[in-house]
């Protein structure tokens, strides 16, 4: 959830356990394991087929957390008196169509908030 809330990518090109720069997800797990013995024992002594750090597990976590973030944004938009939806589409360098979806709404105290979904 930390990476989602701070808009940080979970992984980069090299995410293996032995990689020198393991990016955010495994880096955070490594940092947590230094202060949490349960996490440390699971990562060091748990069965290697059940440490739950694979790309597919990360993708599942992203999907779940992404749905939670969208629900939070939708609940804020529902109570806002004013909002707008912004949708844009363009091709990336590989000629793949990409769509961005944003919501702009008036938040508490009259502040405007723009959020990408």
PDB file of N, CA and C in Angstrom:
ATOM      1  N   UNK A   1       0.829  -1.180   0.000  1.00  0.00           N
ATOM      2  CA  UNK A   1       0.000   0.000   0.000  1.00  0.00           C
ATOM      3  C   UNK A   1       0.877   1.249   0.000  1.00  0.00           C
ATOM      4  N   UNK A   2       2.057   1.144   0.636  1.00  0.00           N
ATOM      5  CA  UNK A   2       2.969   2.282   0.693  1.00  0.00           C
ATOM      6  C   UNK A   2       3.314   2.776  -0.707  1.00  0.00           C
ATOM      7  N   UNK A   3       3.684   1.863  -1.590  1.00  0.00           N
ATOM      8  CA  UNK A   3       4.052   2.253  -2.960  1.00  0.00           C
ATOM      9  C   UNK A   3       2.875   2.889  -3.687  1.00  0.00           C
ATOM     10  N   UNK A   4       1.681   2.351  -3.480  1.00  0.00           N
ATOM     11  CA  UNK A   4       0.496   2.902  -4.143  1.00  0.00           C
ATOM     12  C   UNK A   4       0.220   4.312  -3.648  1.00  0.00           C
ATOM     13  N   UNK A   5       0.232   4.506  -2.339  1.00  0.00           N
ATOM     14  CA  UNK A   5      -0.067   5.822  -1.773  1.00  0.00           C
ATOM     15  C   UNK A   5       0.973   6.873  -2.140  1.00  0.00           C
ATOM     16  N   UNK A   6       2.220   6.440  -2.331  1.00  0.00           N
ATOM     17  CA  UNK A   6       3.294   7.371  -2.671  1.00  0.00           C
ATOM     18  C   UNK A   6       3.601   7.397  -4.164  1.00  0.00           C
ATOM     19  N   UNK A   7       2.722   6.763  -4.948  1.00  0.00           N
ATOM     20  CA  UNK A   7       2.842   6.750  -6.405  1.00  0.00           C
ATOM     21  C   UNK A   7       4.223   6.293  -6.865  1.00  0.00           C
ATOM     22  N   UNK A   8       4.714   5.243  -6.220  1.00  0.00           N
ATOM     23  CA  UNK A   8       6.027   4.695  -6.544  1.00  0.00           C
ATOM     24  C   UNK A   8       5.854   3.368  -7.281  1.00  0.00           C
ATOM     25  N   UNK A   9       6.655   3.161  -8.305  1.00  0.00           N
ATOM     26  CA  UNK A   9       6.602   1.891  -9.040  1.00  0.00           C
ATOM     27  C   UNK A   9       7.005   0.755  -8.111  1.00  0.00           C
ATOM     28  N   UNK A  10       6.348  -0.371  -8.248  1.00  0.00           N
ATOM     29  CA  UNK A  10       6.691  -1.517  -7.409  1.00  0.00           C
ATOM     30  C   UNK A  10       8.007  -2.152  -7.813  1.00  0.00           C
ATOM     31  N   UNK A  11       8.245  -2.251  -9.102  1.00  0.00           N
ATOM     32  CA  UNK A  11       9.445  -2.957  -9.536  1.00  0.00           C
ATOM     33  C   UNK A  11      10.032  -2.302 -10.776  1.00  0.00           C
ATOM     34  N   UNK A  12      11.286  -2.665 -11.017  1.00  0.00           N
ATOM     35  CA  UNK A  12      11.971  -2.156 -12.190  1.00  0.00           C
ATOM     36  C   UNK A  12      12.389  -3.307 -13.084  1.00  0.00           C
ATOM     37  N   UNK A  13      13.530  -3.180 -13.732  1.00  0.00           N
ATOM     38  CA  UNK A  13      13.990  -4.210 -14.657  1.00  0.00           C
ATOM     39  C   UNK A  13      14.590  -5.410 -13.942  1.00  0.00           C
ATOM     40  N   UNK A  14      15.230  -5.172 -12.804  1.00  0.00           N
ATOM     41  CA  UNK A  14      15.879  -6.252 -12.082  1.00  0.00           C
ATOM     42  C   UNK A  14      15.297  -6.324 -10.678  1.00  0.00           C
ATOM     43  N   UNK A  15      14.546  -7.372 -10.414  1.00  0.00           N
ATOM     44  CA  UNK A  15      13.885  -7.512  -9.120  1.00  0.00           C
ATOM     45  C   UNK A  15      14.268  -8.788  -8.403  1.00  0.00           C
ATOM     46  N   UNK A  16      15.251  -9.505  -8.893  1.00  0.00           N
ATOM     47  CA  UNK A  16      15.612 -10.765  -8.254  1.00  0.00           C
ATOM     48  C   UNK A  16      16.127 -10.564  -6.841  1.00  0.00           C
ATOM     49  N   UNK A  17      16.071 -11.611  -6.043  1.00  0.00           N
ATOM     50  CA  UNK A  17      16.506 -11.540  -4.653  1.00  0.00           C
ATOM     51  C   UNK A  17      17.969 -11.139  -4.557  1.00  0.00           C
ATOM     52  N   UNK A  18      18.802 -11.553  -5.518  1.00  0.00           N
ATOM     53  CA  UNK A  18      20.228 -11.249  -5.478  1.00  0.00           C
ATOM     54  C   UNK A  18      20.608  -9.983  -6.237  1.00  0.00           C
ATOM     55  N   UNK A  19      19.649  -9.263  -6.779  1.00  0.00           N
ATOM     56  CA  UNK A  19      19.957  -8.038  -7.522  1.00  0.00           C
ATOM     57  C   UNK A  19      20.509  -6.981  -6.570  1.00  0.00           C
ATOM     58  N   UNK A  20      21.425  -6.155  -7.075  1.00  0.00           N
ATOM     59  CA  UNK A  20      22.040  -5.128  -6.240  1.00  0.00           C
ATOM     60  C   UNK A  20      21.058  -4.014  -5.900  1.00  0.00           C
ATOM     61  N   UNK A  21      20.277  -3.589  -6.863  1.00  0.00           N
ATOM     62  CA  UNK A  21      19.291  -2.537  -6.633  1.00  0.00           C
ATOM     63  C   UNK A  21      17.913  -3.131  -6.904  1.00  0.00           C
ATOM     64  N   UNK A  22      17.225  -3.548  -5.849  1.00  0.00           N
ATOM     65  CA  UNK A  22      16.013  -4.331  -6.018  1.00  0.00           C
ATOM     66  C   UNK A  22      14.738  -3.501  -6.120  1.00  0.00           C
ATOM     67  N   UNK A  23      14.837  -2.252  -6.326  1.00  0.00           N
ATOM     68  CA  UNK A  23      13.665  -1.399  -6.500  1.00  0.00           C
ATOM     69  C   UNK A  23      12.801  -1.369  -5.251  1.00  0.00           C
ATOM     70  N   UNK A  24      11.582  -0.910  -5.386  1.00  0.00           N
ATOM     71  CA  UNK A  24      10.768  -0.570  -4.227  1.00  0.00           C
ATOM     72  C   UNK A  24      10.169  -1.755  -3.469  1.00  0.00           C
ATOM     73  N   UNK A  25       9.510  -2.671  -4.143  1.00  0.00           N
ATOM     74  CA  UNK A  25       8.793  -3.742  -3.442  1.00  0.00           C
ATOM     75  C   UNK A  25       9.732  -4.613  -2.613  1.00  0.00           C
ATOM     76  N   UNK A  26      10.725  -5.218  -3.255  1.00  0.00           N
ATOM     77  CA  UNK A  26      11.650  -6.075  -2.516  1.00  0.00           C
ATOM     78  C   UNK A  26      12.534  -5.261  -1.580  1.00  0.00           C
ATOM     79  N   UNK A  27      12.840  -4.021  -1.961  1.00  0.00           N
ATOM     80  CA  UNK A  27      13.606  -3.145  -1.075  1.00  0.00           C
ATOM     81  C   UNK A  27      12.853  -2.846   0.210  1.00  0.00           C
ATOM     82  N   UNK A  28      11.553  -2.569   0.089  1.00  0.00           N
ATOM     83  CA  UNK A  28      10.729  -2.344   1.278  1.00  0.00           C
ATOM     84  C   UNK A  28      10.626  -3.606   2.130  1.00  0.00           C
ATOM     85  N   UNK A  29      10.450  -4.757   1.480  1.00  0.00           N
ATOM     86  CA  UNK A  29      10.408  -6.016   2.234  1.00  0.00           C
ATOM     87  C   UNK A  29      11.716  -6.249   2.981  1.00  0.00           C
ATOM     88  N   UNK A  30      12.832  -5.931   2.339  1.00  0.00           N
ATOM     89  CA  UNK A  30      14.139  -6.086   2.972  1.00  0.00           C
ATOM     90  C   UNK A  30      14.248  -5.171   4.187  1.00  0.00           C
ATOM     91  N   UNK A  31      13.817  -3.917   4.041  1.00  0.00           N
ATOM     92  CA  UNK A  31      13.867  -2.967   5.151  1.00  0.00           C
ATOM     93  C   UNK A  31      12.954  -3.426   6.295  1.00  0.00           C
ATOM     94  N   UNK A  32      11.748  -3.875   5.964  1.00  0.00           N
ATOM     95  CA  UNK A  32      10.812  -4.350   6.987  1.00  0.00           C
ATOM     96  C   UNK A  32      11.380  -5.567   7.706  1.00  0.00           C
ATOM     97  N   UNK A  33      12.041  -6.452   6.959  1.00  0.00           N
ATOM     98  CA  UNK A  33      12.583  -7.676   7.566  1.00  0.00           C
ATOM     99  C   UNK A  33      13.674  -7.377   8.592  1.00  0.00           C
ATOM    100  N   UNK A  34      14.313  -6.228   8.494  1.00  0.00           N
ATOM    101  CA  UNK A  34      15.332  -5.852   9.479  1.00  0.00           C
ATOM    102  C   UNK A  34      14.712  -5.466  10.816  1.00  0.00           C
ATOM    103  N   UNK A  35      13.420  -5.165  10.817  1.00  0.00           N
ATOM    104  CA  UNK A  35      12.739  -4.727  12.039  1.00  0.00           C
ATOM    105  C   UNK A  35      11.600  -5.655  12.449  1.00  0.00           C
ATOM    106  N   UNK A  36      11.273  -6.633  11.630  1.00  0.00           N
ATOM    107  CA  UNK A  36      10.162  -7.546  11.907  1.00  0.00           C
ATOM    108  C   UNK A  36      10.649  -8.978  11.725  1.00  0.00           C
ATOM    109  N   UNK A  37      10.771  -9.687  12.836  1.00  0.00           N
ATOM    110  CA  UNK A  37      11.320 -11.045  12.787  1.00  0.00           C
ATOM    111  C   UNK A  37      10.427 -12.019  12.026  1.00  0.00           C
ATOM    112  N   UNK A  38       9.120 -11.819  12.061  1.00  0.00           N
ATOM    113  CA  UNK A  38       8.216 -12.711  11.329  1.00  0.00           C
ATOM    114  C   UNK A  38       8.482 -12.619   9.831  1.00  0.00           C
ATOM    115  N   UNK A  39       8.593 -11.385   9.328  1.00  0.00           N
ATOM    116  CA  UNK A  39       8.874 -11.181   7.899  1.00  0.00           C
ATOM    117  C   UNK A  39      10.255 -11.726   7.563  1.00  0.00           C
ATOM    118  N   UNK A  40      11.229 -11.443   8.420  1.00  0.00           N
ATOM    119  CA  UNK A  40      12.595 -11.918   8.183  1.00  0.00           C
ATOM    120  C   UNK A  40      12.646 -13.446   8.112  1.00  0.00           C
ATOM    121  N   UNK A  41      12.021 -14.119   9.063  1.00  0.00           N
ATOM    122  CA  UNK A  41      12.011 -15.587   9.062  1.00  0.00           C
ATOM    123  C   UNK A  41      11.293 -16.137   7.842  1.00  0.00           C
ATOM    124  N   UNK A  42      10.203 -15.511   7.455  1.00  0.00           N
ATOM    125  CA  UNK A  42       9.440 -15.980   6.284  1.00  0.00           C
ATOM    126  C   UNK A  42      10.293 -15.880   5.020  1.00  0.00           C
ATOM    127  N   UNK A  43      10.990 -14.738   4.868  1.00  0.00           N
ATOM    128  CA  UNK A  43      11.799 -14.532   3.666  1.00  0.00           C
ATOM    129  C   UNK A  43      13.042 -15.414   3.651  1.00  0.00           C
ATOM    130  N   UNK A  44      13.653 -15.617   4.820  1.00  0.00           N
ATOM    131  CA  UNK A  44      14.900 -16.378   4.861  1.00  0.00           C
ATOM    132  C   UNK A  44      14.692 -17.888   4.983  1.00  0.00           C
ATOM    133  N   UNK A  45      13.676 -18.297   5.728  1.00  0.00           N
ATOM    134  CA  UNK A  45      13.545 -19.718   6.042  1.00  0.00           C
ATOM    135  C   UNK A  45      12.264 -20.353   5.509  1.00  0.00           C
ATOM    136  N   UNK A  46      11.391 -19.561   4.934  1.00  0.00           N
ATOM    137  CA  UNK A  46      10.153 -20.113   4.382  1.00  0.00           C
ATOM    138  C   UNK A  46      10.434 -20.875   3.103  1.00  0.00           C
ATOM    139  N   UNK A  47       9.512 -21.743   2.708  1.00  0.00           N
ATOM    140  CA  UNK A  47       9.707 -22.467   1.448  1.00  0.00           C
ATOM    141  C   UNK A  47       9.804 -21.490   0.279  1.00  0.00           C
ATOM    142  N   UNK A  48      10.770 -21.696  -0.579  1.00  0.00           N
ATOM    143  CA  UNK A  48      11.019 -20.745  -1.672  1.00  0.00           C
ATOM    144  C   UNK A  48       9.857 -20.673  -2.660  1.00  0.00           C
ATOM    145  N   UNK A  49       8.983 -21.666  -2.653  1.00  0.00           N
ATOM    146  CA  UNK A  49       7.831 -21.601  -3.548  1.00  0.00           C
ATOM    147  C   UNK A  49       6.646 -20.898  -2.882  1.00  0.00           C
ATOM    148  N   UNK A  50       6.869 -20.320  -1.685  1.00  0.00           N
ATOM    149  CA  UNK A  50       5.768 -19.653  -0.985  1.00  0.00           C
ATOM    150  C   UNK A  50       6.224 -18.400  -0.239  1.00  0.00           C
ATOM    151  N   UNK A  51       7.119 -17.625  -0.843  1.00  0.00           N
ATOM    152  CA  UNK A  51       7.518 -16.364  -0.208  1.00  0.00           C
ATOM    153  C   UNK A  51       6.676 -15.191  -0.699  1.00  0.00           C
ATOM    154  N   UNK A  52       5.892 -15.404  -1.734  1.00  0.00           N
ATOM    155  CA  UNK A  52       4.920 -14.423  -2.233  1.00  0.00           C
ATOM    156  C   UNK A  52       5.559 -13.103  -2.674  1.00  0.00           C
ATOM    157  N   UNK A  53       6.692 -13.208  -3.366  1.00  0.00           N
ATOM    158  CA  UNK A  53       7.341 -12.006  -3.892  1.00  0.00           C
ATOM    159  C   UNK A  53       7.436 -12.023  -5.413  1.00  0.00           C
ATOM    160  N   UNK A  54       6.820 -12.988  -6.062  1.00  0.00           N
ATOM    161  CA  UNK A  54       6.916 -13.102  -7.522  1.00  0.00           C
ATOM    162  C   UNK A  54       6.156 -11.974  -8.212  1.00  0.00           C
ATOM    163  N   UNK A  55       6.419 -11.813  -9.500  1.00  0.00           N
ATOM    164  CA  UNK A  55       5.737 -10.780 -10.285  1.00  0.00           C
ATOM    165  C   UNK A  55       4.231 -10.996 -10.293  1.00  0.00           C
ATOM    166  N   UNK A  56       3.796 -12.247 -10.360  1.00  0.00           N
ATOM    167  CA  UNK A  56       2.346 -12.494 -10.397  1.00  0.00           C
ATOM    168  C   UNK A  56       1.687 -12.097  -9.078  1.00  0.00           C
ATOM    169  N   UNK A  57       2.364 -12.338  -7.960  1.00  0.00           N
ATOM    170  CA  UNK A  57       1.828 -11.911  -6.663  1.00  0.00           C
ATOM    171  C   UNK A  57       1.815 -10.392  -6.584  1.00  0.00           C
ATOM    172  N   UNK A  58       2.886  -9.755  -7.060  1.00  0.00           N
ATOM    173  CA  UNK A  58       2.918  -8.292  -7.075  1.00  0.00           C
ATOM    174  C   UNK A  58       1.793  -7.742  -7.946  1.00  0.00           C
ATOM    175  N   UNK A  59       1.544  -8.378  -9.083  1.00  0.00           N
ATOM    176  CA  UNK A  59       0.449  -7.936  -9.958  1.00  0.00           C
ATOM    177  C   UNK A  59      -0.901  -8.084  -9.264  1.00  0.00           C
ATOM    178  N   UNK A  60      -1.092  -9.192  -8.548  1.00  0.00           N
ATOM    179  CA  UNK A  60      -2.336  -9.387  -7.800  1.00  0.00           C
ATOM    180  C   UNK A  60      -2.497  -8.315  -6.721  1.00  0.00           C
ATOM    181  N   UNK A  61      -1.408  -8.039  -5.998  1.00  0.00           N
ATOM    182  CA  UNK A  61      -1.451  -6.983  -4.981  1.00  0.00           C
ATOM    183  C   UNK A  61      -1.794  -5.636  -5.602  1.00  0.00           C
ATOM    184  N   UNK A  62      -1.171  -5.340  -6.733  1.00  0.00           N
ATOM    185  CA  UNK A  62      -1.461  -4.082  -7.428  1.00  0.00           C
ATOM    186  C   UNK A  62      -2.921  -3.983  -7.821  1.00  0.00           C
ATOM    187  N   UNK A  63      -3.461  -5.058  -8.331  1.00  0.00           N
ATOM    188  CA  UNK A  63      -4.866  -5.070  -8.745  1.00  0.00           C
ATOM    189  C   UNK A  63      -5.786  -4.811  -7.546  1.00  0.00           C
ATOM    190  N   UNK A  64      -5.524  -5.483  -6.436  1.00  0.00           N
ATOM    191  CA  UNK A  64      -6.339  -5.316  -5.230  1.00  0.00           C
ATOM    192  C   UNK A  64      -6.211  -3.898  -4.679  1.00  0.00           C
ATOM    193  N   UNK A  65      -4.971  -3.424  -4.549  1.00  0.00           N
ATOM    194  CA  UNK A  65      -4.758  -2.079  -4.017  1.00  0.00           C
ATOM    195  C   UNK A  65      -5.304  -1.020  -4.962  1.00  0.00           C
ATOM    196  N   UNK A  66      -5.157  -1.243  -6.262  1.00  0.00           N
ATOM    197  CA  UNK A  66      -5.708  -0.305  -7.239  1.00  0.00           C
ATOM    198  C   UNK A  66      -7.210  -0.189  -7.117  1.00  0.00           C
ATOM    199  N   UNK A  67      -7.881  -1.323  -6.928  1.00  0.00           N
ATOM    200  CA  UNK A  67      -9.332  -1.298  -6.728  1.00  0.00           C
ATOM    201  C   UNK A  67      -9.703  -0.532  -5.467  1.00  0.00           C
ATOM    202  N   UNK A  68      -8.911  -0.705  -4.395  1.00  0.00           N
ATOM    203  CA  UNK A  68      -9.171   0.037  -3.160  1.00  0.00           C
ATOM    204  C   UNK A  68      -9.009   1.537  -3.368  1.00  0.00           C
ATOM    205  N   UNK A  69      -7.967   1.932  -4.078  1.00  0.00           N
ATOM    206  CA  UNK A  69      -7.736   3.355  -4.343  1.00  0.00           C
ATOM    207  C   UNK A  69      -8.881   3.931  -5.164  1.00  0.00           C
ATOM    208  N   UNK A  70      -9.327   3.208  -6.186  1.00  0.00           N
ATOM    209  CA  UNK A  70     -10.447   3.681  -7.014  1.00  0.00           C
ATOM    210  C   UNK A  70     -11.703   3.831  -6.164  1.00  0.00           C
ATOM    211  N   UNK A  71     -11.954   2.893  -5.256  1.00  0.00           N
ATOM    212  CA  UNK A  71     -13.122   2.999  -4.378  1.00  0.00           C
ATOM    213  C   UNK A  71     -13.040   4.230  -3.485  1.00  0.00           C
ATOM    214  N   UNK A  72     -11.859   4.517  -2.965  1.00  0.00           N
ATOM    215  CA  UNK A  72     -11.673   5.703  -2.121  1.00  0.00           C
ATOM    216  C   UNK A  72     -11.923   6.967  -2.930  1.00  0.00           C
ATOM    217  N   UNK A  73     -11.359   7.027  -4.142  1.00  0.00           N
ATOM    218  CA  UNK A  73     -11.556   8.197  -5.002  1.00  0.00           C
ATOM    219  C   UNK A  73     -13.033   8.360  -5.332  1.00  0.00           C
ATOM    220  N   UNK A  74     -13.700   7.270  -5.686  1.00  0.00           N
ATOM    221  CA  UNK A  74     -15.132   7.337  -6.032  1.00  0.00           C
ATOM    222  C   UNK A  74     -15.967   7.818  -4.856  1.00  0.00           C
ATOM    223  N   UNK A  75     -15.631   7.389  -3.651  1.00  0.00           N
ATOM    224  CA  UNK A  75     -16.393   7.844  -2.485  1.00  0.00           C
ATOM    225  C   UNK A  75     -16.202   9.340  -2.262  1.00  0.00           C
ATOM    226  N   UNK A  76     -15.010   9.860  -2.539  1.00  0.00           N
ATOM    227  CA  UNK A  76     -14.774  11.304  -2.406  1.00  0.00           C
ATOM    228  C   UNK A  76     -15.507  12.081  -3.491  1.00  0.00           C
ATOM    229  N   UNK A  77     -15.542  11.532  -4.701  1.00  0.00           N
ATOM    230  CA  UNK A  77     -16.243  12.202  -5.800  1.00  0.00           C
ATOM    231  C   UNK A  77     -17.748  12.217  -5.540  1.00  0.00           C
ATOM    232  N   UNK A  78     -18.277  11.152  -4.956  1.00  0.00           N
ATOM    233  CA  UNK A  78     -19.720  11.077  -4.689  1.00  0.00           C
ATOM    234  C   UNK A  78     -20.195  12.175  -3.743  1.00  0.00           C
ATOM    235  N   UNK A  79     -19.361  12.555  -2.785  1.00  0.00           N
ATOM    236  CA  UNK A  79     -19.770  13.610  -1.847  1.00  0.00           C
ATOM    237  C   UNK A  79     -19.431  15.004  -2.364  1.00  0.00           C
ATOM    238  N   UNK A  80     -18.625  15.084  -3.407  1.00  0.00           N
ATOM    239  CA  UNK A  80     -18.283  16.393  -3.986  1.00  0.00           C
ATOM    240  C   UNK A  80     -19.491  16.948  -4.739  1.00  0.00           C
ATOM    241  N   UNK A  81     -19.667  18.227  -4.647  1.00  0.00           N
ATOM    242  CA  UNK A  81     -20.783  18.846  -5.358  1.00  0.00           C
ATOM    243  C   UNK A  81     -20.440  19.053  -6.824  1.00  0.00           C
ATOM    244  N   UNK A  82     -19.188  19.281  -7.105  1.00  0.00           N
ATOM    245  CA  UNK A  82     -18.750  19.551  -8.471  1.00  0.00           C
ATOM    246  C   UNK A  82     -17.622  18.596  -8.845  1.00  0.00           C
ATOM    247  N   UNK A  83     -17.708  18.052 -10.054  1.00  0.00           N
ATOM    248  CA  UNK A  83     -16.630  17.192 -10.533  1.00  0.00           C
ATOM    249  C   UNK A  83     -16.663  17.149 -12.058  1.00  0.00           C
ATOM    250  N   UNK A  84     -15.539  16.735 -12.634  1.00  0.00           N
ATOM    251  CA  UNK A  84     -15.465  16.529 -14.079  1.00  0.00           C
ATOM    252  C   UNK A  84     -14.613  15.298 -14.344  1.00  0.00           C
ATOM    253  N   UNK A  85     -14.860  14.672 -15.480  1.00  0.00           N
ATOM    254  CA  UNK A  85     -14.118  13.487 -15.895  1.00  0.00           C
ATOM    255  C   UNK A  85     -13.303  13.861 -17.125  1.00  0.00           C
ATOM    256  N   UNK A  86     -12.032  13.507 -17.116  1.00  0.00           N
ATOM    257  CA  UNK A  86     -11.129  13.816 -18.222  1.00  0.00           C
ATOM    258  C   UNK A  86     -10.577  12.494 -18.754  1.00  0.00           C
ATOM    259  N   UNK A  87     -10.807  12.232 -20.031  1.00  0.00           N
ATOM    260  CA  UNK A  87     -10.316  11.001 -20.657  1.00  0.00           C
ATOM    261  C   UNK A  87      -9.502  11.392 -21.883  1.00  0.00           C
ATOM    262  N   UNK A  88      -8.314  10.802 -22.021  1.00  0.00           N
ATOM    263  CA  UNK A  88      -7.462  11.095 -23.170  1.00  0.00           C
ATOM    264  C   UNK A  88      -6.846   9.789 -23.655  1.00  0.00           C
ATOM    265  N   UNK A  89      -6.614   9.722 -24.955  1.00  0.00           N
ATOM    266  CA  UNK A  89      -6.044   8.518 -25.547  1.00  0.00           C
ATOM    267  C   UNK A  89      -4.911   8.921 -26.480  1.00  0.00           C
ATOM    268  N   UNK A  90      -3.837   8.153 -26.422  1.00  0.00           N
ATOM    269  CA  UNK A  90      -2.717   8.393 -27.334  1.00  0.00           C
ATOM    270  C   UNK A  90      -1.954   7.089 -27.508  1.00  0.00           C
ATOM    271  N   UNK A  91      -1.075   7.067 -28.493  1.00  0.00           N
ATOM    272  CA  UNK A  91      -0.235   5.892 -28.733  1.00  0.00           C
ATOM    273  C   UNK A  91       1.111   6.098 -28.072  1.00  0.00           C
ATOM    274  N   UNK A  92       1.614   5.028 -27.486  1.00  0.00           N
ATOM    275  CA  UNK A  92       2.946   5.104 -26.915  1.00  0.00           C
ATOM    276  C   UNK A  92       3.978   4.769 -27.990  1.00  0.00           C
ATOM    277  N   UNK A  93       5.242   4.673 -27.603  1.00  0.00           N
ATOM    278  CA  UNK A  93       6.313   4.456 -28.581  1.00  0.00           C
ATOM    279  C   UNK A  93       6.199   3.118 -29.310  1.00  0.00           C
ATOM    280  N   UNK A  94       5.505   2.150 -28.712  1.00  0.00           N
ATOM    281  CA  UNK A  94       5.322   0.860 -29.381  1.00  0.00           C
ATOM    282  C   UNK A  94       4.014   0.815 -30.171  1.00  0.00           C
ATOM    283  N   UNK A  95       3.421   1.980 -30.386  1.00  0.00           N
ATOM    284  CA  UNK A  95       2.175   2.139 -31.146  1.00  0.00           C
ATOM    285  C   UNK A  95       0.981   1.445 -30.484  1.00  0.00           C
ATOM    286  N   UNK A  96       1.083   1.256 -29.183  1.00  0.00           N
ATOM    287  CA  UNK A  96      -0.018   0.699 -28.391  1.00  0.00           C
ATOM    288  C   UNK A  96      -0.888   1.854 -27.893  1.00  0.00           C
ATOM    289  N   UNK A  97      -2.205   1.732 -28.090  1.00  0.00           N
ATOM    290  CA  UNK A  97      -3.122   2.763 -27.611  1.00  0.00           C
ATOM    291  C   UNK A  97      -3.153   2.751 -26.081  1.00  0.00           C
ATOM    292  N   UNK A  98      -2.977   3.908 -25.492  1.00  0.00           N
ATOM    293  CA  UNK A  98      -3.015   4.062 -24.044  1.00  0.00           C
ATOM    294  C   UNK A  98      -4.088   5.085 -23.689  1.00  0.00           C
ATOM    295  N   UNK A  99      -4.875   4.801 -22.677  1.00  0.00           N
ATOM    296  CA  UNK A  99      -5.923   5.726 -22.268  1.00  0.00           C
ATOM    297  C   UNK A  99      -5.673   6.180 -20.835  1.00  0.00           C
ATOM    298  N   UNK A 100      -5.757   7.476 -20.625  1.00  0.00           N
ATOM    299  CA  UNK A 100      -5.671   8.001 -19.269  1.00  0.00           C
ATOM    300  C   UNK A 100      -7.057   8.473 -18.849  1.00  0.00           C
ATOM    301  N   UNK A 101      -7.358   8.279 -17.588  1.00  0.00           N
ATOM    302  CA  UNK A 101      -8.666   8.607 -17.042  1.00  0.00           C
ATOM    303  C   UNK A 101      -8.433   9.374 -15.753  1.00  0.00           C
ATOM    304  N   UNK A 102      -8.935  10.594 -15.689  1.00  0.00           N
ATOM    305  CA  UNK A 102      -8.740  11.431 -14.508  1.00  0.00           C
ATOM    306  C   UNK A 102     -10.072  12.014 -14.060  1.00  0.00           C
ATOM    307  N   UNK A 103     -10.149  12.293 -12.778  1.00  0.00           N
ATOM    308  CA  UNK A 103     -11.324  12.929 -12.200  1.00  0.00           C
ATOM    309  C   UNK A 103     -10.848  14.166 -11.458  1.00  0.00           C
ATOM    310  N   UNK A 104     -11.513  15.266 -11.731  1.00  0.00           N
ATOM    311  CA  UNK A 104     -11.220  16.514 -11.026  1.00  0.00           C
ATOM    312  C   UNK A 104     -12.465  16.866 -10.230  1.00  0.00           C
ATOM    313  N   UNK A 105     -12.288  17.143  -8.953  1.00  0.00           N
ATOM    314  CA  UNK A 105     -13.441  17.426  -8.107  1.00  0.00           C
ATOM    315  C   UNK A 105     -13.085  18.443  -7.033  1.00  0.00           C
ATOM    316  N   UNK A 106     -14.129  19.039  -6.465  1.00  0.00           N
ATOM    317  CA  UNK A 106     -13.945  20.005  -5.385  1.00  0.00           C
ATOM    318  C   UNK A 106     -13.944  19.225  -4.079  1.00  0.00           C
ATOM    319  N   UNK A 107     -12.838  19.343  -3.375  1.00  0.00           N
ATOM    320  CA  UNK A 107     -12.627  18.612  -2.128  1.00  0.00           C
ATOM    321  C   UNK A 107     -13.040  19.504  -0.956  1.00  0.00           C
ATOM    322  N   UNK A 108     -12.858  19.014   0.236  1.00  0.00           N
ATOM    323  CA  UNK A 108     -13.188  19.790   1.439  1.00  0.00           C
ATOM    324  C   UNK A 108     -12.549  21.169   1.407  1.00  0.00           C
ATOM    325  N   UNK A 109     -13.262  22.133   1.932  1.00  0.00           N
ATOM    326  CA  UNK A 109     -12.721  23.487   2.018  1.00  0.00           C
ATOM    327  C   UNK A 109     -12.632  24.183   0.677  1.00  0.00           C
ATOM    328  N   UNK A 110     -13.258  23.623  -0.347  1.00  0.00           N
ATOM    329  CA  UNK A 110     -13.248  24.257  -1.660  1.00  0.00           C
ATOM    330  C   UNK A 110     -11.986  24.025  -2.469  1.00  0.00           C
ATOM    331  N   UNK A 111     -11.114  23.143  -2.001  1.00  0.00           N
ATOM    332  CA  UNK A 111      -9.884  22.857  -2.751  1.00  0.00           C
ATOM    333  C   UNK A 111     -10.185  21.925  -3.916  1.00  0.00           C
ATOM    334  N   UNK A 112      -9.543  22.198  -5.051  1.00  0.00           N
ATOM    335  CA  UNK A 112      -9.713  21.358  -6.230  1.00  0.00           C
ATOM    336  C   UNK A 112      -8.692  20.230  -6.189  1.00  0.00           C
ATOM    337  N   UNK A 113      -9.126  19.047  -6.561  1.00  0.00           N
ATOM    338  CA  UNK A 113      -8.243  17.880  -6.563  1.00  0.00           C
ATOM    339  C   UNK A 113      -8.338  17.198  -7.915  1.00  0.00           C
ATOM    340  N   UNK A 114      -7.199  16.882  -8.515  1.00  0.00           N
ATOM    341  CA  UNK A 114      -7.136  16.143  -9.774  1.00  0.00           C
ATOM    342  C   UNK A 114      -6.478  14.803  -9.484  1.00  0.00           C
ATOM    343  N   UNK A 115      -7.169  13.719  -9.817  1.00  0.00           N
ATOM    344  CA  UNK A 115      -6.675  12.383  -9.523  1.00  0.00           C
ATOM    345  C   UNK A 115      -6.762  11.514 -10.764  1.00  0.00           C
ATOM    346  N   UNK A 116      -5.661  10.835 -11.085  1.00  0.00           N
ATOM    347  CA  UNK A 116      -5.652   9.895 -12.202  1.00  0.00           C
ATOM    348  C   UNK A 116      -6.065   8.519 -11.705  1.00  0.00           C
ATOM    349  N   UNK A 117      -6.853   7.841 -12.509  1.00  0.00           N
ATOM    350  CA  UNK A 117      -7.309   6.498 -12.142  1.00  0.00           C
ATOM    351  C   UNK A 117      -6.721   5.509 -13.140  1.00  0.00           C
TER     352      UNK A 117
END
